[in-house]
Amino acid sequence: MDVKMAKGKVGQFFCKHKKAQWYKKDRPFYKLSGDTKIKLCRDCGKELERFFERYD
């Protein structure tokens, strides 16, 4: 296990995740049916939520 990874996991464990923001996954090819949106904590980088938004 890398030292940076261990610090990151400990930081994610003690983070309150108050600064969260939604991001759209960047890909070279996009799905025609919709996009994947991910909610990440800006302090520690932990993925909090993920959902697939469908196009009509």
PDB file of N, CA and C in Angstrom:
ATOM      1  N   MET A   1       0.854  -1.184   0.000  1.00  0.00           N
ATOM      2  CA  MET A   1       0.000   0.000   0.000  1.00  0.00           C
ATOM      3  C   MET A   1       0.892   1.237   0.000  1.00  0.00           C
ATOM      4  N   ASP A   2       0.540   2.189  -0.814  1.00  0.00           N
ATOM      5  CA  ASP A   2       1.293   3.424  -0.926  1.00  0.00           C
ATOM      6  C   ASP A   2       0.964   4.345   0.248  1.00  0.00           C
ATOM      7  N   VAL A   3       1.945   5.153   0.663  1.00  0.00           N
ATOM      8  CA  VAL A   3       1.750   6.076   1.785  1.00  0.00           C
ATOM      9  C   VAL A   3       0.698   7.122   1.435  1.00  0.00           C
ATOM     10  N   LYS A   4       0.701   7.630   0.200  1.00  0.00           N
ATOM     11  CA  LYS A   4      -0.293   8.618  -0.216  1.00  0.00           C
ATOM     12  C   LYS A   4      -1.701   8.033  -0.170  1.00  0.00           C
ATOM     13  N   MET A   5      -1.829   6.772  -0.584  1.00  0.00           N
ATOM     14  CA  MET A   5      -3.134   6.129  -0.571  1.00  0.00           C
ATOM     15  C   MET A   5      -3.633   5.951   0.861  1.00  0.00           C
ATOM     16  N   ALA A   6      -2.737   5.584   1.772  1.00  0.00           N
ATOM     17  CA  ALA A   6      -3.127   5.399   3.172  1.00  0.00           C
ATOM     18  C   ALA A   6      -3.586   6.719   3.780  1.00  0.00           C
ATOM     19  N   LYS A   7      -2.882   7.815   3.491  1.00  0.00           N
ATOM     20  CA  LYS A   7      -3.291   9.120   3.992  1.00  0.00           C
ATOM     21  C   LYS A   7      -4.625   9.529   3.381  1.00  0.00           C
ATOM     22  N   GLY A   8      -4.834   9.203   2.116  1.00  0.00           N
ATOM     23  CA  GLY A   8      -6.083   9.541   1.452  1.00  0.00           C
ATOM     24  C   GLY A   8      -7.266   8.806   2.067  1.00  0.00           C
ATOM     25  N   LYS A   9      -7.101   7.532   2.358  1.00  0.00           N
ATOM     26  CA  LYS A   9      -8.176   6.745   2.961  1.00  0.00           C
ATOM     27  C   LYS A   9      -8.496   7.259   4.364  1.00  0.00           C
ATOM     28  N   VAL A  10      -7.474   7.601   5.136  1.00  0.00           N
ATOM     29  CA  VAL A  10      -7.694   8.132   6.479  1.00  0.00           C
ATOM     30  C   VAL A  10      -8.352   9.507   6.385  1.00  0.00           C
ATOM     31  N   GLY A  11      -7.919  10.317   5.427  1.00  0.00           N
ATOM     32  CA  GLY A  11      -8.518  11.637   5.229  1.00  0.00           C
ATOM     33  C   GLY A  11      -9.974  11.542   4.824  1.00  0.00           C
ATOM     34  N   GLN A  12     -10.315  10.567   3.985  1.00  0.00           N
ATOM     35  CA  GLN A  12     -11.706  10.358   3.576  1.00  0.00           C
ATOM     36  C   GLN A  12     -12.550   9.890   4.755  1.00  0.00           C
ATOM     37  N   PHE A  13     -11.966   9.111   5.644  1.00  0.00           N
ATOM     38  CA  PHE A  13     -12.710   8.593   6.782  1.00  0.00           C
ATOM     39  C   PHE A  13     -13.092   9.716   7.753  1.00  0.00           C
ATOM     40  N   PHE A  14     -12.189  10.673   7.973  1.00  0.00           N
ATOM     41  CA  PHE A  14     -12.439  11.744   8.933  1.00  0.00           C
ATOM     42  C   PHE A  14     -13.029  13.002   8.312  1.00  0.00           C
ATOM     43  N   CYS A  15     -13.195  13.041   6.999  1.00  0.00           N
ATOM     44  CA  CYS A  15     -13.749  14.216   6.317  1.00  0.00           C
ATOM     45  C   CYS A  15     -15.257  14.280   6.547  1.00  0.00           C
ATOM     46  N   LYS A  16     -15.805  15.489   6.681  1.00  0.00           N
ATOM     47  CA  LYS A  16     -17.249  15.680   6.890  1.00  0.00           C
ATOM     48  C   LYS A  16     -18.006  15.777   5.568  1.00  0.00           C
ATOM     49  N   HIS A  17     -17.325  15.902   4.450  1.00  0.00           N
ATOM     50  CA  HIS A  17     -17.897  15.965   3.100  1.00  0.00           C
ATOM     51  C   HIS A  17     -18.902  17.112   2.956  1.00  0.00           C
ATOM     52  N   LYS A  18     -18.570  18.276   3.478  1.00  0.00           N
ATOM     53  CA  LYS A  18     -19.468  19.426   3.384  1.00  0.00           C
ATOM     54  C   LYS A  18     -19.331  20.158   2.054  1.00  0.00           C
ATOM     55  N   LYS A  19     -18.172  20.049   1.409  1.00  0.00           N
ATOM     56  CA  LYS A  19     -17.945  20.720   0.123  1.00  0.00           C
ATOM     57  C   LYS A  19     -18.063  19.691  -0.993  1.00  0.00           C
ATOM     58  N   ALA A  20     -19.286  19.364  -1.357  1.00  0.00           N
ATOM     59  CA  ALA A  20     -19.523  18.373  -2.407  1.00  0.00           C
ATOM     60  C   ALA A  20     -20.008  19.077  -3.666  1.00  0.00           C
ATOM     61  N   GLN A  21     -19.642  18.518  -4.821  1.00  0.00           N
ATOM     62  CA  GLN A  21     -20.016  19.115  -6.094  1.00  0.00           C
ATOM     63  C   GLN A  21     -20.294  18.003  -7.095  1.00  0.00           C
ATOM     64  N   TRP A  22     -21.269  18.252  -7.993  1.00  0.00           N
ATOM     65  CA  TRP A  22     -21.616  17.299  -9.041  1.00  0.00           C
ATOM     66  C   TRP A  22     -20.687  17.485 -10.234  1.00  0.00           C
ATOM     67  N   TYR A  23     -20.221  16.384 -10.802  1.00  0.00           N
ATOM     68  CA  TYR A  23     -19.374  16.391 -11.990  1.00  0.00           C
ATOM     69  C   TYR A  23     -19.958  15.436 -13.017  1.00  0.00           C
ATOM     70  N   LYS A  24     -19.736  15.775 -14.276  1.00  0.00           N
ATOM     71  CA  LYS A  24     -20.122  14.881 -15.367  1.00  0.00           C
ATOM     72  C   LYS A  24     -18.865  14.166 -15.825  1.00  0.00           C
ATOM     73  N   LYS A  25     -18.952  12.876 -15.994  1.00  0.00           N
ATOM     74  CA  LYS A  25     -17.795  12.078 -16.373  1.00  0.00           C
ATOM     75  C   LYS A  25     -17.380  12.402 -17.802  1.00  0.00           C
ATOM     76  N   ASP A  26     -16.126  12.785 -17.983  1.00  0.00           N
ATOM     77  CA  ASP A  26     -15.604  13.084 -19.318  1.00  0.00           C
ATOM     78  C   ASP A  26     -15.119  11.792 -19.966  1.00  0.00           C
ATOM     79  N   ARG A  27     -15.576  11.590 -21.190  1.00  0.00           N
ATOM     80  CA  ARG A  27     -15.199  10.397 -21.946  1.00  0.00           C
ATOM     81  C   ARG A  27     -14.909  10.798 -23.383  1.00  0.00           C
ATOM     82  N   PRO A  28     -14.072  10.028 -24.063  1.00  0.00           N
ATOM     83  CA  PRO A  28     -13.839  10.317 -25.477  1.00  0.00           C
ATOM     84  C   PRO A  28     -15.066   9.988 -26.333  1.00  0.00           C
ATOM     85  N   PHE A  29     -15.876   9.013 -25.894  1.00  0.00           N
ATOM     86  CA  PHE A  29     -17.096   8.631 -26.599  1.00  0.00           C
ATOM     87  C   PHE A  29     -18.259   8.736 -25.614  1.00  0.00           C
ATOM     88  N   TYR A  30     -19.361   9.312 -26.046  1.00  0.00           N
ATOM     89  CA  TYR A  30     -20.507   9.515 -25.172  1.00  0.00           C
ATOM     90  C   TYR A  30     -21.607   8.517 -25.493  1.00  0.00           C
ATOM     91  N   LYS A  31     -22.363   8.141 -24.475  1.00  0.00           N
ATOM     92  CA  LYS A  31     -23.512   7.268 -24.674  1.00  0.00           C
ATOM     93  C   LYS A  31     -24.654   8.080 -25.236  1.00  0.00           C
ATOM     94  N   LEU A  32     -25.397   7.522 -26.137  1.00  0.00           N
ATOM     95  CA  LEU A  32     -26.531   8.222 -26.731  1.00  0.00           C
ATOM     96  C   LEU A  32     -27.735   8.258 -25.797  1.00  0.00           C
ATOM     97  N   SER A  33     -27.786   7.366 -24.827  1.00  0.00           N
ATOM     98  CA  SER A  33     -28.948   7.287 -23.950  1.00  0.00           C
ATOM     99  C   SER A  33     -28.865   8.230 -22.748  1.00  0.00           C
ATOM    100  N   GLY A  34     -27.662   8.764 -22.401  1.00  0.00           N
ATOM    101  CA  GLY A  34     -27.569   9.671 -21.265  1.00  0.00           C
ATOM    102  C   GLY A  34     -26.149   9.861 -20.770  1.00  0.00           C
ATOM    103  N   ASP A  35     -26.027  10.513 -19.609  1.00  0.00           N
ATOM    104  CA  ASP A  35     -24.730  10.815 -18.994  1.00  0.00           C
ATOM    105  C   ASP A  35     -24.674  10.271 -17.575  1.00  0.00           C
ATOM    106  N   THR A  36     -23.452   9.951 -17.126  1.00  0.00           N
ATOM    107  CA  THR A  36     -23.219   9.554 -15.750  1.00  0.00           C
ATOM    108  C   THR A  36     -22.788  10.782 -14.967  1.00  0.00           C
ATOM    109  N   LYS A  37     -23.478  11.082 -13.870  1.00  0.00           N
ATOM    110  CA  LYS A  37     -23.118  12.209 -13.011  1.00  0.00           C
ATOM    111  C   LYS A  37     -22.626  11.664 -11.684  1.00  0.00           C
ATOM    112  N   ILE A  38     -21.549  12.284 -11.175  1.00  0.00           N
ATOM    113  CA  ILE A  38     -20.898  11.818  -9.965  1.00  0.00           C
ATOM    114  C   ILE A  38     -20.792  12.988  -8.984  1.00  0.00           C
ATOM    115  N   LYS A  39     -21.136  12.747  -7.720  1.00  0.00           N
ATOM    116  CA  LYS A  39     -20.994  13.756  -6.671  1.00  0.00           C
ATOM    117  C   LYS A  39     -19.732  13.436  -5.886  1.00  0.00           C
ATOM    118  N   LEU A  40     -18.759  14.368  -5.923  1.00  0.00           N
ATOM    119  CA  LEU A  40     -17.476  14.181  -5.262  1.00  0.00           C
ATOM    120  C   LEU A  40     -17.271  15.229  -4.182  1.00  0.00           C
ATOM    121  N   CYS A  41     -16.575  14.838  -3.112  1.00  0.00           N
ATOM    122  CA  CYS A  41     -16.161  15.784  -2.086  1.00  0.00           C
ATOM    123  C   CYS A  41     -14.933  16.523  -2.604  1.00  0.00           C
ATOM    124  N   ARG A  42     -14.956  17.855  -2.539  1.00  0.00           N
ATOM    125  CA  ARG A  42     -13.833  18.635  -3.050  1.00  0.00           C
ATOM    126  C   ARG A  42     -12.637  18.609  -2.108  1.00  0.00           C
ATOM    127  N   ASP A  43     -12.830  18.282  -0.843  1.00  0.00           N
ATOM    128  CA  ASP A  43     -11.717  18.246   0.110  1.00  0.00           C
ATOM    129  C   ASP A  43     -10.905  16.953   0.018  1.00  0.00           C
ATOM    130  N   CYS A  44     -11.600  15.815   0.023  1.00  0.00           N
ATOM    131  CA  CYS A  44     -10.875  14.541   0.072  1.00  0.00           C
ATOM    132  C   CYS A  44     -10.961  13.728  -1.221  1.00  0.00           C
ATOM    133  N   GLY A  45     -11.910  14.060  -2.113  1.00  0.00           N
ATOM    134  CA  GLY A  45     -12.018  13.361  -3.382  1.00  0.00           C
ATOM    135  C   GLY A  45     -12.852  12.096  -3.352  1.00  0.00           C
ATOM    136  N   LYS A  46     -13.564  11.855  -2.265  1.00  0.00           N
ATOM    137  CA  LYS A  46     -14.387  10.640  -2.161  1.00  0.00           C
ATOM    138  C   LYS A  46     -15.646  10.773  -3.013  1.00  0.00           C
ATOM    139  N   GLU A  47     -16.003   9.688  -3.693  1.00  0.00           N
ATOM    140  CA  GLU A  47     -17.228   9.647  -4.483  1.00  0.00           C
ATOM    141  C   GLU A  47     -18.398   9.383  -3.540  1.00  0.00           C
ATOM    142  N   LEU A  48     -19.337  10.336  -3.475  1.00  0.00           N
ATOM    143  CA  LEU A  48     -20.462  10.225  -2.554  1.00  0.00           C
ATOM    144  C   LEU A  48     -21.686   9.607  -3.208  1.00  0.00           C
ATOM    145  N   GLU A  49     -22.015  10.026  -4.426  1.00  0.00           N
ATOM    146  CA  GLU A  49     -23.172   9.502  -5.142  1.00  0.00           C
ATOM    147  C   GLU A  49     -22.835   9.368  -6.620  1.00  0.00           C
ATOM    148  N   ARG A  50     -23.595   8.510  -7.304  1.00  0.00           N
ATOM    149  CA  ARG A  50     -23.446   8.341  -8.744  1.00  0.00           C
ATOM    150  C   ARG A  50     -24.811   7.962  -9.305  1.00  0.00           C
ATOM    151  N   PHE A  51     -25.191   8.583 -10.400  1.00  0.00           N
ATOM    152  CA  PHE A  51     -26.421   8.174 -11.063  1.00  0.00           C
ATOM    153  C   PHE A  51     -26.324   8.430 -12.550  1.00  0.00           C
ATOM    154  N   PHE A  52     -27.179   7.736 -13.291  1.00  0.00           N
ATOM    155  CA  PHE A  52     -27.200   7.837 -14.742  1.00  0.00           C
ATOM    156  C   PHE A  52     -28.411   8.663 -15.135  1.00  0.00           C
ATOM    157  N   GLU A  53     -28.177   9.800 -15.793  1.00  0.00           N
ATOM    158  CA  GLU A  53     -29.246  10.674 -16.222  1.00  0.00           C
ATOM    159  C   GLU A  53     -29.599  10.338 -17.670  1.00  0.00           C
ATOM    160  N   ARG A  54     -30.829   9.939 -17.895  1.00  0.00           N
ATOM    161  CA  ARG A  54     -31.267   9.543 -19.238  1.00  0.00           C
ATOM    162  C   ARG A  54     -31.752  10.732 -20.031  1.00  0.00           C
ATOM    163  N   TYR A  55     -31.467  10.692 -21.321  1.00  0.00           N
ATOM    164  CA  TYR A  55     -32.004  11.698 -22.249  1.00  0.00           C
ATOM    165  C   TYR A  55     -33.391  11.270 -22.720  1.00  0.00           C
ATOM    166  N   ASP A  56     -34.203  12.214 -23.049  1.00  0.00           N
ATOM    167  CA  ASP A  56     -35.544  11.892 -23.583  1.00  0.00           C
ATOM    168  C   ASP A  56     -35.519  11.749 -25.076  1.00  0.00           C
TER     169      ASP A  56
END
